Amino acid sequence: MARPLDVNVVVPPPLRPLFEGRREVSLGVPGNAGLGDVLETLLSLYPRLRQHLAGDRPATGGSYVHLALDSHALEELALGGTGLSTGRRLHLFLLSRPPPSSPSGA
């Protein structure tokens, strides 16, 4: 059985109100957890974050959350790993979507 992991998520200033003002949150996740599990844990602990998920709908402007990894995590993912290890720092970003464009010729 895989040992549990402690993963840290860095929260940018615009998202801190959703995280009770925290700059960083520590999550305990199962040892075999992947990035989807980290995101699900964040959403269960901080449900207001869901309003910033991009989803499958067409972009309509506004902002969305991006979860970024460091280069070591990306290398591990490329080799078929989870990209997670104890002490790993993940970074949340709040990115802006461009406003919807008007149809050509309008």
C-alpha atoms as a PDB file:
ATOM      1  CA  MET A   1       0.000   0.000   0.000  1.00  0.00           C
ATOM      2  CA  ALA A   2       1.356   3.419  -0.976  1.00  0.00           C
ATOM      3  CA  ARG A   3       2.148   5.866   1.800  1.00  0.00           C
ATOM      4  CA  PRO A   4      -0.024   8.989   2.025  1.00  0.00           C
ATOM      5  CA  LEU A   5       1.386  12.156   0.460  1.00  0.00           C
ATOM      6  CA  ASP A   6       1.410  15.695   1.794  1.00  0.00           C
ATOM      7  CA  VAL A   7       1.065  18.072  -1.141  1.00  0.00           C
ATOM      8  CA  ASN A   8       1.176  21.873  -0.873  1.00  0.00           C
ATOM      9  CA  VAL A   9      -0.895  24.108  -3.131  1.00  0.00           C
ATOM     10  CA  VAL A  10       0.177  27.743  -3.492  1.00  0.00           C
ATOM     11  CA  VAL A  11      -2.833  30.070  -3.752  1.00  0.00           C
ATOM     12  CA  PRO A  12      -2.574  33.382  -5.669  1.00  0.00           C
ATOM     13  CA  PRO A  13      -3.937  36.596  -4.089  1.00  0.00           C
ATOM     14  CA  PRO A  14      -7.130  36.770  -6.231  1.00  0.00           C
ATOM     15  CA  LEU A  15      -8.170  33.275  -5.073  1.00  0.00           C
ATOM     16  CA  ARG A  16      -7.309  33.624  -1.382  1.00  0.00           C
ATOM     17  CA  PRO A  17     -10.827  34.691  -0.347  1.00  0.00           C
ATOM     18  CA  LEU A  18     -12.004  31.271  -1.577  1.00  0.00           C
ATOM     19  CA  PHE A  19      -9.361  29.630   0.635  1.00  0.00           C
ATOM     20  CA  GLU A  20     -10.152  31.504   3.865  1.00  0.00           C
ATOM     21  CA  GLY A  21      -7.286  33.934   3.172  1.00  0.00           C
ATOM     22  CA  ARG A  22      -4.616  31.245   3.002  1.00  0.00           C
ATOM     23  CA  ARG A  23      -1.507  31.686   0.857  1.00  0.00           C
ATOM     24  CA  GLU A  24      -0.893  27.960   0.772  1.00  0.00           C
ATOM     25  CA  VAL A  25      -2.886  24.869   1.692  1.00  0.00           C
ATOM     26  CA  SER A  26      -1.505  21.464   2.625  1.00  0.00           C
ATOM     27  CA  LEU A  27      -3.422  18.424   1.491  1.00  0.00           C
ATOM     28  CA  GLY A  28      -3.046  14.838   2.603  1.00  0.00           C
ATOM     29  CA  VAL A  29      -3.811  12.561  -0.337  1.00  0.00           C
ATOM     30  CA  PRO A  30      -3.408   8.805  -0.886  1.00  0.00           C
ATOM     31  CA  GLY A  31       0.007   7.703  -2.109  1.00  0.00           C
ATOM     32  CA  ASN A  32      -1.383   6.651  -5.469  1.00  0.00           C
ATOM     33  CA  ALA A  33      -3.263   9.944  -5.978  1.00  0.00           C
ATOM     34  CA  GLY A  34      -3.000  11.858  -9.213  1.00  0.00           C
ATOM     35  CA  LEU A  35      -3.627  15.478 -10.110  1.00  0.00           C
ATOM     36  CA  GLY A  36      -7.343  14.833 -10.543  1.00  0.00           C
ATOM     37  CA  ASP A  37      -7.470  13.594  -6.954  1.00  0.00           C
ATOM     38  CA  VAL A  38      -5.753  16.764  -5.749  1.00  0.00           C
ATOM     39  CA  LEU A  39      -8.262  18.883  -7.650  1.00  0.00           C
ATOM     40  CA  GLU A  40     -11.193  16.865  -6.264  1.00  0.00           C
ATOM     41  CA  THR A  41      -9.819  17.314  -2.736  1.00  0.00           C
ATOM     42  CA  LEU A  42      -9.502  21.068  -3.279  1.00  0.00           C
ATOM     43  CA  LEU A  43     -13.079  21.236  -4.568  1.00  0.00           C
ATOM     44  CA  SER A  44     -14.448  19.260  -1.638  1.00  0.00           C
ATOM     45  CA  LEU A  45     -12.647  21.456   0.910  1.00  0.00           C
ATOM     46  CA  TYR A  46     -13.156  24.757  -0.947  1.00  0.00           C
ATOM     47  CA  PRO A  47     -16.322  24.335  -3.066  1.00  0.00           C
ATOM     48  CA  ARG A  48     -16.410  27.977  -4.197  1.00  0.00           C
ATOM     49  CA  LEU A  49     -13.351  27.191  -6.330  1.00  0.00           C
ATOM     50  CA  ARG A  50     -15.685  25.305  -8.699  1.00  0.00           C
ATOM     51  CA  GLN A  51     -16.984  28.607 -10.109  1.00  0.00           C
ATOM     52  CA  HIS A  52     -13.553  29.141 -11.678  1.00  0.00           C
ATOM     53  CA  LEU A  53     -13.243  25.792 -13.456  1.00  0.00           C
ATOM     54  CA  ALA A  54     -13.106  26.088 -17.233  1.00  0.00           C
ATOM     55  CA  GLY A  55     -15.443  23.170 -17.981  1.00  0.00           C
ATOM     56  CA  ASP A  56     -16.446  21.924 -21.398  1.00  0.00           C
ATOM     57  CA  ARG A  57     -18.577  24.899 -22.395  1.00  0.00           C
ATOM     58  CA  PRO A  58     -17.310  27.399 -24.957  1.00  0.00           C
ATOM     59  CA  ALA A  59     -15.274  30.221 -23.458  1.00  0.00           C
ATOM     60  CA  THR A  60     -17.362  33.287 -22.650  1.00  0.00           C
ATOM     61  CA  GLY A  61     -14.792  35.573 -21.069  1.00  0.00           C
ATOM     62  CA  GLY A  62     -14.132  35.830 -17.357  1.00  0.00           C
ATOM     63  CA  SER A  63     -11.448  33.860 -15.551  1.00  0.00           C
ATOM     64  CA  TYR A  64     -10.514  30.263 -14.896  1.00  0.00           C
ATOM     65  CA  VAL A  65      -8.165  28.290 -12.648  1.00  0.00           C
ATOM     66  CA  HIS A  66      -4.989  26.651 -13.886  1.00  0.00           C
ATOM     67  CA  LEU A  67      -3.072  24.114 -11.752  1.00  0.00           C
ATOM     68  CA  ALA A  68       0.640  24.217 -12.566  1.00  0.00           C
ATOM     69  CA  LEU A  69       3.425  21.768 -11.765  1.00  0.00           C
ATOM     70  CA  ASP A  70       7.170  22.160 -11.531  1.00  0.00           C
ATOM     71  CA  SER A  71       9.509  20.613 -14.109  1.00  0.00           C
ATOM     72  CA  HIS A  72      10.287  17.558 -11.936  1.00  0.00           C
ATOM     73  CA  ALA A  73       6.587  16.718 -11.674  1.00  0.00           C
ATOM     74  CA  LEU A  74       6.165  17.124 -15.435  1.00  0.00           C
ATOM     75  CA  GLU A  75       9.093  14.786 -16.091  1.00  0.00           C
ATOM     76  CA  GLU A  76       7.550  12.203 -13.759  1.00  0.00           C
ATOM     77  CA  LEU A  77       4.196  12.528 -15.541  1.00  0.00           C
ATOM     78  CA  ALA A  78       5.907  12.048 -18.905  1.00  0.00           C
ATOM     79  CA  LEU A  79       7.378   8.775 -17.615  1.00  0.00           C
ATOM     80  CA  GLY A  80       3.951   7.499 -16.555  1.00  0.00           C
ATOM     81  CA  GLY A  81       4.070   8.551 -12.894  1.00  0.00           C
ATOM     82  CA  THR A  82       1.561  10.624 -10.959  1.00  0.00           C
ATOM     83  CA  GLY A  83       3.645  13.798 -10.806  1.00  0.00           C
ATOM     84  CA  LEU A  84       3.119  13.904  -7.056  1.00  0.00           C
ATOM     85  CA  SER A  85       5.408  13.286  -4.105  1.00  0.00           C
ATOM     86  CA  THR A  86       5.453  14.382  -0.476  1.00  0.00           C
ATOM     87  CA  GLY A  87       6.343  18.037  -0.203  1.00  0.00           C
ATOM     88  CA  ARG A  88       5.522  18.734  -3.852  1.00  0.00           C
ATOM     89  CA  ARG A  89       4.316  22.287  -4.441  1.00  0.00           C
ATOM     90  CA  LEU A  90       1.573  22.868  -6.955  1.00  0.00           C
ATOM     91  CA  HIS A  91       0.585  26.363  -8.006  1.00  0.00           C
ATOM     92  CA  LEU A  92      -2.892  27.674  -8.723  1.00  0.00           C
ATOM     93  CA  PHE A  93      -3.228  30.543 -11.178  1.00  0.00           C
ATOM     94  CA  LEU A  94      -6.292  32.575 -12.045  1.00  0.00           C
ATOM     95  CA  LEU A  95      -6.140  33.260 -15.777  1.00  0.00           C
ATOM     96  CA  SER A  96      -8.311  35.522 -17.900  1.00  0.00           C
ATOM     97  CA  ARG A  97     -10.224  34.313 -20.905  1.00  0.00           C
ATOM     98  CA  PRO A  98     -10.471  36.618 -23.866  1.00  0.00           C
ATOM     99  CA  PRO A  99     -13.979  37.977 -24.381  1.00  0.00           C
ATOM    100  CA  PRO A 100     -16.009  36.147 -27.008  1.00  0.00           C
ATOM    101  CA  SER A 101     -15.245  37.455 -30.462  1.00  0.00           C
ATOM    102  CA  SER A 102     -17.932  38.759 -32.718  1.00  0.00           C
ATOM    103  CA  PRO A 103     -18.678  36.798 -35.906  1.00  0.00           C
ATOM    104  CA  SER A 104     -16.610  37.725 -38.956  1.00  0.00           C
ATOM    105  CA  GLY A 105     -18.040  40.540 -41.011  1.00  0.00           C
ATOM    106  CA  ALA A 106     -20.107  41.952 -38.165  1.00  0.00           C
END
